[in-house]
């Protein structure tokens, strides 16, 4: 009995044609401001803080990021109307991008804004060069009213979701 088999020469050069682009997602900011602190603050400066965020400017990420989204979510159970400004800054403190987020007084539905970077949005270079985030909140209401809701506060959350080419 005779066994025959045919096999083609193997081409391991296909490795060079593989493109791996996982999506990485993570939390960026979480800020809470209780209403009693908003009432005690200077109305023009409820929150003003820089947050170091070097995850984007890390060479491993910055050289390989393709596109993505930053999502801002605001919840407000206070009686205050606020304006929140989120700014992405480079190493020298230069503003690369600015988002103005309106905050209506309670009862407010959760506010969400998605900002796209890359081919379907703003320049991906903004993300590649971001090293910190500045958040400023201004009270557009008064400093005496209080909400009837339990533990009234303003919450700002943000997250990022980006496609990164590994090879």
N, C-alpha and C. Protein backbone atom coordinates (compact mmCIF):
# COMPACT_ATOMS: atom_id res chain seq x y z
N UNK A 1 0.84 -1.16 0.00
CA UNK A 1 0.00 0.00 0.00
C UNK A 1 0.89 1.24 0.00
N UNK A 2 0.49 2.21 -0.71
CA UNK A 2 1.31 3.39 -0.86
C UNK A 2 0.54 4.61 -0.37
N UNK A 3 1.16 5.44 0.46
CA UNK A 3 0.53 6.65 0.97
C UNK A 3 1.23 7.84 0.32
N UNK A 4 0.42 8.69 -0.25
CA UNK A 4 0.95 9.88 -0.88
C UNK A 4 0.34 11.10 -0.21
N UNK A 5 1.09 12.11 -0.07
CA UNK A 5 0.53 13.37 0.42
C UNK A 5 1.23 14.51 -0.29
N UNK A 6 0.50 15.56 -0.43
CA UNK A 6 1.06 16.74 -1.06
C UNK A 6 1.05 17.86 -0.04
N UNK A 7 2.06 18.62 -0.02
CA UNK A 7 2.11 19.77 0.87
C UNK A 7 2.81 20.91 0.13
N UNK A 8 2.25 22.10 0.29
CA UNK A 8 2.88 23.26 -0.33
C UNK A 8 3.99 23.76 0.59
N UNK A 9 4.93 24.43 -0.01
CA UNK A 9 5.96 25.06 0.80
C UNK A 9 5.28 26.09 1.69
N UNK A 10 5.68 26.14 2.95
CA UNK A 10 5.09 27.07 3.91
C UNK A 10 5.69 28.47 3.72
N UNK A 11 4.81 29.45 3.80
CA UNK A 11 5.23 30.85 3.65
C UNK A 11 5.02 31.55 4.99
N UNK A 12 6.07 31.67 5.76
CA UNK A 12 5.96 32.32 7.06
C UNK A 12 6.15 33.83 6.97
N UNK A 13 6.26 34.36 5.79
CA UNK A 13 6.37 35.80 5.57
C UNK A 13 5.04 36.51 5.79
N UNK A 14 3.96 35.74 5.97
CA UNK A 14 2.64 36.33 6.21
C UNK A 14 2.59 37.12 7.51
N UNK A 15 3.51 36.82 8.41
CA UNK A 15 3.56 37.53 9.68
C UNK A 15 3.66 39.04 9.46
N UNK A 16 4.40 39.41 8.42
CA UNK A 16 4.57 40.84 8.13
C UNK A 16 3.27 41.51 7.68
N UNK A 17 2.29 40.73 7.26
CA UNK A 17 1.03 41.27 6.78
C UNK A 17 -0.03 41.38 7.88
N UNK A 18 0.26 40.85 9.05
CA UNK A 18 -0.71 40.86 10.15
C UNK A 18 -0.77 42.27 10.76
N UNK A 19 -1.97 42.73 11.02
CA UNK A 19 -2.18 44.01 11.68
C UNK A 19 -3.04 43.77 12.91
N UNK A 20 -2.51 44.08 14.07
CA UNK A 20 -3.23 43.87 15.32
C UNK A 20 -3.58 45.24 15.90
N UNK A 21 -4.89 45.51 16.06
CA UNK A 21 -5.32 46.81 16.57
C UNK A 21 -6.37 46.62 17.65
N UNK A 22 -5.93 46.33 18.88
CA UNK A 22 -6.91 46.21 19.96
C UNK A 22 -7.46 47.58 20.36
N UNK A 23 -8.59 47.54 21.03
CA UNK A 23 -9.18 48.76 21.59
C UNK A 23 -8.88 48.75 23.09
N UNK A 24 -8.28 49.83 23.56
CA UNK A 24 -8.01 49.98 24.99
C UNK A 24 -8.95 51.03 25.55
N UNK A 25 -9.45 50.76 26.73
CA UNK A 25 -10.43 51.65 27.35
C UNK A 25 -10.06 51.84 28.80
N UNK A 26 -10.24 53.05 29.29
CA UNK A 26 -9.93 53.30 30.69
C UNK A 26 -10.54 54.59 31.19
N UNK A 27 -10.65 54.66 32.49
CA UNK A 27 -11.15 55.84 33.17
C UNK A 27 -10.08 56.92 33.16
N UNK A 28 -10.49 58.17 33.02
CA UNK A 28 -9.54 59.27 33.01
C UNK A 28 -9.71 60.17 34.24
N UNK A 29 -10.92 60.67 34.47
CA UNK A 29 -11.17 61.59 35.58
C UNK A 29 -12.44 61.18 36.33
N UNK A 30 -12.45 61.49 37.62
CA UNK A 30 -13.66 61.39 38.42
C UNK A 30 -13.58 62.52 39.44
N UNK A 31 -14.52 63.47 39.35
CA UNK A 31 -14.52 64.64 40.24
C UNK A 31 -15.92 64.79 40.81
N UNK A 32 -16.00 64.99 42.13
CA UNK A 32 -17.27 65.28 42.81
C UNK A 32 -17.16 66.63 43.50
N UNK A 33 -18.23 67.41 43.43
CA UNK A 33 -18.30 68.68 44.15
C UNK A 33 -19.66 68.75 44.84
N UNK A 34 -19.70 68.55 46.17
CA UNK A 34 -20.96 68.66 46.90
C UNK A 34 -21.49 70.10 46.86
N UNK A 35 -22.81 70.22 46.91
CA UNK A 35 -23.43 71.54 46.80
C UNK A 35 -22.98 72.50 47.91
N UNK A 36 -22.78 72.00 49.13
CA UNK A 36 -22.37 72.91 50.20
C UNK A 36 -21.00 73.53 49.90
N UNK A 37 -20.11 72.78 49.23
CA UNK A 37 -18.81 73.36 48.85
C UNK A 37 -18.96 74.37 47.71
N UNK A 38 -19.88 74.10 46.80
CA UNK A 38 -20.14 75.05 45.71
C UNK A 38 -20.64 76.36 46.30
N UNK A 39 -21.52 76.29 47.32
CA UNK A 39 -22.04 77.50 47.96
C UNK A 39 -20.94 78.26 48.71
N UNK A 40 -19.91 77.56 49.17
CA UNK A 40 -18.82 78.22 49.91
C UNK A 40 -17.73 78.76 48.99
N UNK A 41 -17.76 78.38 47.73
CA UNK A 41 -16.70 78.76 46.78
C UNK A 41 -17.00 80.10 46.13
N UNK A 42 -15.93 80.71 45.63
CA UNK A 42 -16.07 81.88 44.78
C UNK A 42 -16.80 81.42 43.52
N UNK A 43 -17.91 82.06 43.14
CA UNK A 43 -18.69 81.59 41.99
C UNK A 43 -17.88 81.42 40.70
N UNK A 44 -16.84 82.22 40.54
CA UNK A 44 -16.07 82.12 39.31
C UNK A 44 -15.04 81.00 39.34
N UNK A 45 -14.91 80.33 40.49
CA UNK A 45 -13.85 79.33 40.60
C UNK A 45 -14.28 78.18 41.52
N UNK A 46 -15.34 77.49 41.14
CA UNK A 46 -15.79 76.35 41.95
C UNK A 46 -14.74 75.25 41.93
N UNK A 47 -14.26 74.92 40.75
CA UNK A 47 -13.18 73.94 40.59
C UNK A 47 -12.21 74.52 39.56
N UNK A 48 -10.94 74.43 39.86
CA UNK A 48 -9.91 74.78 38.89
C UNK A 48 -8.69 73.95 39.26
N UNK A 49 -8.46 72.90 38.48
CA UNK A 49 -7.39 71.98 38.84
C UNK A 49 -6.79 71.34 37.60
N UNK A 50 -5.47 71.16 37.64
CA UNK A 50 -4.77 70.42 36.59
C UNK A 50 -4.54 69.00 37.08
N UNK A 51 -4.79 68.04 36.21
CA UNK A 51 -4.57 66.64 36.52
C UNK A 51 -3.50 66.11 35.58
N UNK A 52 -2.42 65.59 36.15
CA UNK A 52 -1.36 65.02 35.35
C UNK A 52 -1.92 63.77 34.66
N UNK A 53 -1.76 63.67 33.36
CA UNK A 53 -2.29 62.54 32.61
C UNK A 53 -1.32 62.19 31.49
N UNK A 54 -0.24 61.54 31.86
CA UNK A 54 0.81 61.24 30.90
C UNK A 54 0.58 59.94 30.14
N UNK A 55 -0.54 59.27 30.37
CA UNK A 55 -0.82 58.01 29.68
C UNK A 55 -0.82 58.21 28.17
N UNK A 56 -1.36 59.32 27.70
CA UNK A 56 -1.43 59.57 26.26
C UNK A 56 -0.05 59.86 25.66
N UNK A 57 0.78 60.57 26.39
CA UNK A 57 2.07 60.98 25.82
C UNK A 57 3.15 59.91 25.97
N UNK A 58 2.83 58.79 26.62
CA UNK A 58 3.76 57.68 26.70
C UNK A 58 4.08 57.21 25.28
N UNK A 59 5.38 57.05 24.97
CA UNK A 59 5.79 56.70 23.60
C UNK A 59 5.09 55.46 23.06
N UNK A 60 4.93 54.45 23.90
CA UNK A 60 4.29 53.21 23.45
C UNK A 60 2.88 53.47 22.93
N UNK A 61 2.15 54.34 23.62
CA UNK A 61 0.79 54.69 23.19
C UNK A 61 0.81 55.71 22.06
N UNK A 62 1.53 56.80 22.25
CA UNK A 62 1.51 57.93 21.31
C UNK A 62 1.96 57.53 19.90
N UNK A 63 2.90 56.62 19.80
CA UNK A 63 3.38 56.22 18.47
C UNK A 63 2.44 55.25 17.77
N UNK A 64 1.51 54.65 18.52
CA UNK A 64 0.69 53.59 17.94
C UNK A 64 -0.81 53.87 17.91
N UNK A 65 -1.26 54.93 18.58
CA UNK A 65 -2.70 55.21 18.62
C UNK A 65 -3.19 55.60 17.23
N UNK A 66 -4.34 55.06 16.86
CA UNK A 66 -4.91 55.30 15.53
C UNK A 66 -6.06 56.29 15.63
N UNK A 67 -7.00 56.01 16.51
CA UNK A 67 -8.16 56.87 16.69
C UNK A 67 -8.84 56.51 18.01
N UNK A 68 -9.83 57.29 18.38
CA UNK A 68 -10.54 57.00 19.62
C UNK A 68 -11.50 58.07 20.02
N UNK A 69 -12.01 57.90 21.23
CA UNK A 69 -13.06 58.77 21.76
C UNK A 69 -12.80 59.07 23.23
N UNK A 70 -12.99 60.33 23.60
CA UNK A 70 -13.06 60.69 25.02
C UNK A 70 -14.52 60.97 25.31
N UNK A 71 -15.03 60.36 26.37
CA UNK A 71 -16.42 60.54 26.78
C UNK A 71 -16.46 61.29 28.10
N UNK A 72 -17.23 62.37 28.14
CA UNK A 72 -17.47 63.13 29.37
C UNK A 72 -18.91 62.87 29.81
N UNK A 73 -19.11 62.59 31.09
CA UNK A 73 -20.44 62.38 31.65
C UNK A 73 -20.58 63.28 32.87
N UNK A 74 -21.68 64.02 32.92
CA UNK A 74 -21.93 64.91 34.05
C UNK A 74 -23.28 64.57 34.65
N UNK A 75 -23.30 64.46 35.98
CA UNK A 75 -24.53 64.28 36.74
C UNK A 75 -24.62 65.45 37.72
N UNK A 76 -25.79 66.06 37.80
CA UNK A 76 -25.96 67.20 38.70
C UNK A 76 -27.24 67.04 39.50
N UNK A 77 -27.13 66.93 40.82
CA UNK A 77 -28.31 66.89 41.69
C UNK A 77 -28.38 68.15 42.55
N UNK A 78 -27.60 69.18 42.19
CA UNK A 78 -27.63 70.44 42.93
C UNK A 78 -28.64 71.40 42.30
N UNK A 79 -28.84 72.53 42.95
CA UNK A 79 -29.71 73.58 42.42
C UNK A 79 -28.93 74.55 41.54
N UNK A 80 -27.68 74.22 41.24
CA UNK A 80 -26.78 75.15 40.53
C UNK A 80 -26.71 74.87 39.04
N UNK A 81 -26.61 75.95 38.28
CA UNK A 81 -26.24 75.86 36.87
C UNK A 81 -24.75 76.14 36.82
N UNK A 82 -24.01 75.29 36.15
CA UNK A 82 -22.56 75.43 36.07
C UNK A 82 -22.09 75.37 34.62
N UNK A 83 -20.89 75.82 34.40
CA UNK A 83 -20.21 75.61 33.13
C UNK A 83 -18.89 74.94 33.47
N UNK A 84 -18.67 73.77 32.86
CA UNK A 84 -17.44 73.03 33.08
C UNK A 84 -16.62 73.10 31.79
N UNK A 85 -15.35 73.42 31.95
CA UNK A 85 -14.44 73.46 30.80
C UNK A 85 -13.35 72.42 31.04
N UNK A 86 -13.20 71.52 30.08
CA UNK A 86 -12.13 70.51 30.13
C UNK A 86 -11.13 70.85 29.02
N UNK A 87 -9.86 71.02 29.41
CA UNK A 87 -8.81 71.37 28.45
C UNK A 87 -7.72 70.31 28.47
N UNK A 88 -7.32 69.86 27.30
CA UNK A 88 -6.20 68.95 27.16
C UNK A 88 -4.95 69.80 26.91
N UNK A 89 -3.89 69.56 27.71
CA UNK A 89 -2.69 70.39 27.67
C UNK A 89 -1.47 69.56 27.30
N UNK A 90 -0.50 70.20 26.64
CA UNK A 90 0.77 69.54 26.34
C UNK A 90 1.74 69.74 27.50
N UNK A 91 2.98 69.27 27.32
CA UNK A 91 4.01 69.36 28.37
C UNK A 91 4.29 70.78 28.82
N UNK A 92 4.10 71.76 27.94
CA UNK A 92 4.39 73.16 28.25
C UNK A 92 3.17 73.93 28.76
N UNK A 93 2.05 73.22 28.95
CA UNK A 93 0.84 73.88 29.42
C UNK A 93 0.02 74.54 28.33
N UNK A 94 0.39 74.32 27.08
CA UNK A 94 -0.38 74.88 25.96
C UNK A 94 -1.66 74.09 25.78
N UNK A 95 -2.76 74.78 25.51
CA UNK A 95 -4.06 74.14 25.32
C UNK A 95 -4.11 73.52 23.93
N UNK A 96 -4.37 72.20 23.89
CA UNK A 96 -4.48 71.48 22.63
C UNK A 96 -5.92 71.33 22.19
N UNK A 97 -6.83 71.24 23.15
CA UNK A 97 -8.24 71.05 22.85
C UNK A 97 -9.06 71.53 24.04
N UNK A 98 -10.24 72.06 23.76
CA UNK A 98 -11.14 72.57 24.81
C UNK A 98 -12.55 72.07 24.56
N UNK A 99 -13.18 71.60 25.62
CA UNK A 99 -14.60 71.23 25.56
C UNK A 99 -15.33 71.99 26.65
N UNK A 100 -16.40 72.68 26.26
CA UNK A 100 -17.25 73.39 27.21
C UNK A 100 -18.49 72.55 27.41
N UNK A 101 -18.72 72.16 28.68
CA UNK A 101 -19.80 71.25 29.02
C UNK A 101 -20.84 71.98 29.87
N UNK A 102 -22.05 72.18 29.36
CA UNK A 102 -23.09 72.87 30.14
C UNK A 102 -23.66 71.94 31.21
N UNK A 103 -23.95 72.52 32.36
CA UNK A 103 -24.52 71.74 33.47
C UNK A 103 -25.78 72.45 33.95
N UNK A 104 -26.92 71.86 33.66
CA UNK A 104 -28.19 72.42 34.11
C UNK A 104 -28.45 72.05 35.56
N UNK A 105 -29.23 72.87 36.28
CA UNK A 105 -29.57 72.52 37.66
C UNK A 105 -30.50 71.31 37.70
N UNK A 106 -30.55 70.65 38.86
CA UNK A 106 -31.43 69.49 39.03
C UNK A 106 -32.87 69.94 38.88
N UNK A 107 -33.76 69.14 38.41
CA UNK A 107 -33.49 67.76 37.98
C UNK A 107 -32.89 67.75 36.57
N UNK A 108 -31.71 67.23 36.47
CA UNK A 108 -30.98 67.19 35.20
C UNK A 108 -30.78 65.74 34.81
N UNK A 109 -31.05 65.44 33.57
CA UNK A 109 -30.72 64.10 33.11
C UNK A 109 -29.21 64.03 32.93
N UNK A 110 -28.67 62.85 33.01
CA UNK A 110 -27.24 62.69 32.84
C UNK A 110 -26.84 63.24 31.47
N UNK A 111 -25.81 64.06 31.46
CA UNK A 111 -25.32 64.68 30.22
C UNK A 111 -24.07 63.91 29.76
N UNK A 112 -24.05 63.52 28.49
CA UNK A 112 -22.89 62.81 27.96
C UNK A 112 -22.47 63.44 26.64
N UNK A 113 -21.16 63.62 26.50
CA UNK A 113 -20.61 64.12 25.24
C UNK A 113 -19.42 63.24 24.86
N UNK A 114 -19.45 62.76 23.61
CA UNK A 114 -18.36 61.96 23.05
C UNK A 114 -17.58 62.83 22.08
N UNK A 115 -16.26 62.87 22.25
CA UNK A 115 -15.38 63.64 21.38
C UNK A 115 -14.51 62.65 20.63
N UNK A 116 -14.57 62.69 19.31
CA UNK A 116 -13.86 61.74 18.47
C UNK A 116 -12.54 62.34 17.99
N UNK A 117 -11.50 61.50 17.98
CA UNK A 117 -10.17 61.90 17.53
C UNK A 117 -9.70 60.88 16.50
N UNK A 118 -8.99 61.35 15.49
CA UNK A 118 -8.52 60.47 14.43
C UNK A 118 -9.27 60.76 13.15
N UNK A 119 -9.39 59.78 12.28
CA UNK A 119 -9.97 59.99 10.95
C UNK A 119 -11.41 60.50 10.98
N UNK A 120 -12.16 60.20 12.04
CA UNK A 120 -13.57 60.62 12.08
C UNK A 120 -13.81 61.81 13.01
N UNK A 121 -12.75 62.53 13.37
CA UNK A 121 -12.95 63.64 14.29
C UNK A 121 -11.78 64.61 14.29
N UNK A 122 -11.44 65.07 15.48
CA UNK A 122 -10.33 66.01 15.64
C UNK A 122 -8.99 65.28 15.42
N UNK A 123 -7.94 66.05 15.26
CA UNK A 123 -6.62 65.48 15.00
C UNK A 123 -6.18 64.54 16.11
N UNK A 124 -5.68 63.38 15.73
CA UNK A 124 -5.16 62.42 16.71
C UNK A 124 -3.90 62.96 17.39
N UNK A 125 -3.25 63.97 16.78
CA UNK A 125 -2.07 64.58 17.40
C UNK A 125 -2.41 65.24 18.73
N UNK A 126 -3.65 65.66 18.90
CA UNK A 126 -4.08 66.23 20.18
C UNK A 126 -3.88 65.19 21.27
N UNK A 127 -4.34 63.98 21.02
CA UNK A 127 -4.22 62.90 22.00
C UNK A 127 -2.75 62.54 22.22
N UNK A 128 -2.00 62.41 21.15
CA UNK A 128 -0.59 62.01 21.24
C UNK A 128 0.24 62.98 22.07
N UNK A 129 -0.16 64.24 22.13
CA UNK A 129 0.63 65.26 22.83
C UNK A 129 0.05 65.70 24.16
N UNK A 130 -1.05 65.10 24.60
CA UNK A 130 -1.67 65.47 25.88
C UNK A 130 -0.87 64.91 27.04
N UNK A 131 -0.51 65.78 27.99
CA UNK A 131 0.18 65.32 29.19
C UNK A 131 -0.55 65.70 30.47
N UNK A 132 -1.56 66.58 30.37
CA UNK A 132 -2.38 66.90 31.54
C UNK A 132 -3.75 67.40 31.08
N UNK A 133 -4.67 67.38 32.04
CA UNK A 133 -6.04 67.83 31.78
C UNK A 133 -6.37 68.88 32.83
N UNK A 134 -6.86 70.03 32.36
CA UNK A 134 -7.29 71.08 33.28
C UNK A 134 -8.81 71.12 33.27
N UNK A 135 -9.40 71.09 34.46
CA UNK A 135 -10.85 71.18 34.60
C UNK A 135 -11.17 72.44 35.40
N UNK A 136 -12.06 73.26 34.83
CA UNK A 136 -12.50 74.48 35.49
C UNK A 136 -14.03 74.47 35.51
N UNK A 137 -14.61 74.75 36.66
CA UNK A 137 -16.07 74.83 36.77
C UNK A 137 -16.44 76.19 37.33
N UNK A 138 -17.42 76.82 36.70
CA UNK A 138 -17.90 78.13 37.11
C UNK A 138 -19.37 78.01 37.50
N UNK A 139 -19.72 78.57 38.66
CA UNK A 139 -21.10 78.57 39.13
C UNK A 139 -21.84 79.71 38.42
N UNK A 140 -22.83 79.37 37.62
CA UNK A 140 -23.62 80.39 36.92
C UNK A 140 -24.89 80.74 37.70
N UNK A 141 -25.06 80.07 38.83
CA UNK A 141 -26.23 80.32 39.69
C UNK A 141 -25.84 81.12 40.92
N UNK A 142 -26.60 80.93 42.00
CA UNK A 142 -26.32 81.67 43.23
C UNK A 142 -25.45 80.83 44.16
N UNK A 143 -25.19 81.37 45.35
CA UNK A 143 -24.39 80.64 46.35
C UNK A 143 -25.18 80.40 47.63
N UNK A 144 -26.51 80.45 47.52
CA UNK A 144 -27.31 80.25 48.73
C UNK A 144 -28.35 79.13 48.60
N UNK A 145 -28.85 78.89 47.40
CA UNK A 145 -29.91 77.88 47.25
C UNK A 145 -29.36 76.47 47.50
N UNK A 146 -30.26 75.59 47.90
CA UNK A 146 -29.89 74.18 48.09
C UNK A 146 -30.96 73.29 47.50
N UNK A 147 -30.52 72.17 47.00
CA UNK A 147 -31.41 71.20 46.37
C UNK A 147 -32.17 70.41 47.43
N UNK A 148 -33.38 69.94 47.10
CA UNK A 148 -34.13 69.09 48.03
C UNK A 148 -33.68 67.63 47.94
N UNK A 149 -32.85 67.31 46.94
CA UNK A 149 -32.41 65.93 46.76
C UNK A 149 -31.36 65.57 47.81
N UNK A 150 -31.31 64.30 48.21
CA UNK A 150 -30.33 63.90 49.23
C UNK A 150 -28.90 63.99 48.70
N UNK A 151 -28.00 64.51 49.51
CA UNK A 151 -26.58 64.65 49.18
C UNK A 151 -26.35 65.25 47.79
N UNK A 152 -26.86 66.46 47.54
CA UNK A 152 -26.70 67.07 46.21
C UNK A 152 -25.23 67.33 45.87
N UNK A 153 -24.88 66.98 44.63
CA UNK A 153 -23.50 67.18 44.18
C UNK A 153 -23.45 67.17 42.66
N UNK A 154 -22.34 67.64 42.15
CA UNK A 154 -22.04 67.57 40.72
C UNK A 154 -20.93 66.53 40.57
N UNK A 155 -21.11 65.62 39.61
CA UNK A 155 -20.10 64.60 39.34
C UNK A 155 -19.69 64.69 37.87
N UNK A 156 -18.39 64.78 37.63
CA UNK A 156 -17.83 64.74 36.28
C UNK A 156 -16.99 63.48 36.17
N UNK A 157 -17.30 62.68 35.16
CA UNK A 157 -16.52 61.47 34.88
C UNK A 157 -16.07 61.55 33.43
N UNK A 158 -14.90 61.02 33.16
CA UNK A 158 -14.47 60.92 31.77
C UNK A 158 -13.71 59.62 31.58
N UNK A 159 -13.78 59.14 30.36
CA UNK A 159 -13.07 57.91 30.01
C UNK A 159 -12.59 58.02 28.57
N UNK A 160 -11.66 57.18 28.23
CA UNK A 160 -11.13 57.15 26.87
C UNK A 160 -11.20 55.75 26.31
N UNK A 161 -11.44 55.68 25.02
CA UNK A 161 -11.49 54.40 24.31
C UNK A 161 -10.75 54.61 22.99
N UNK A 162 -9.61 53.90 22.82
CA UNK A 162 -8.75 54.14 21.67
C UNK A 162 -8.31 52.84 21.01
N UNK A 163 -8.18 52.91 19.70
CA UNK A 163 -7.60 51.79 18.93
C UNK A 163 -6.11 52.04 18.80
N UNK A 164 -5.35 51.00 19.10
CA UNK A 164 -3.89 51.11 19.10
C UNK A 164 -3.32 50.00 18.23
N UNK A 165 -2.46 50.36 17.28
CA UNK A 165 -1.81 49.37 16.43
C UNK A 165 -0.63 48.79 17.17
N UNK A 166 -0.66 47.48 17.43
CA UNK A 166 0.43 46.84 18.15
C UNK A 166 1.58 46.48 17.22
N UNK A 167 1.29 46.19 15.99
CA UNK A 167 2.33 45.83 15.03
C UNK A 167 2.09 46.54 13.73
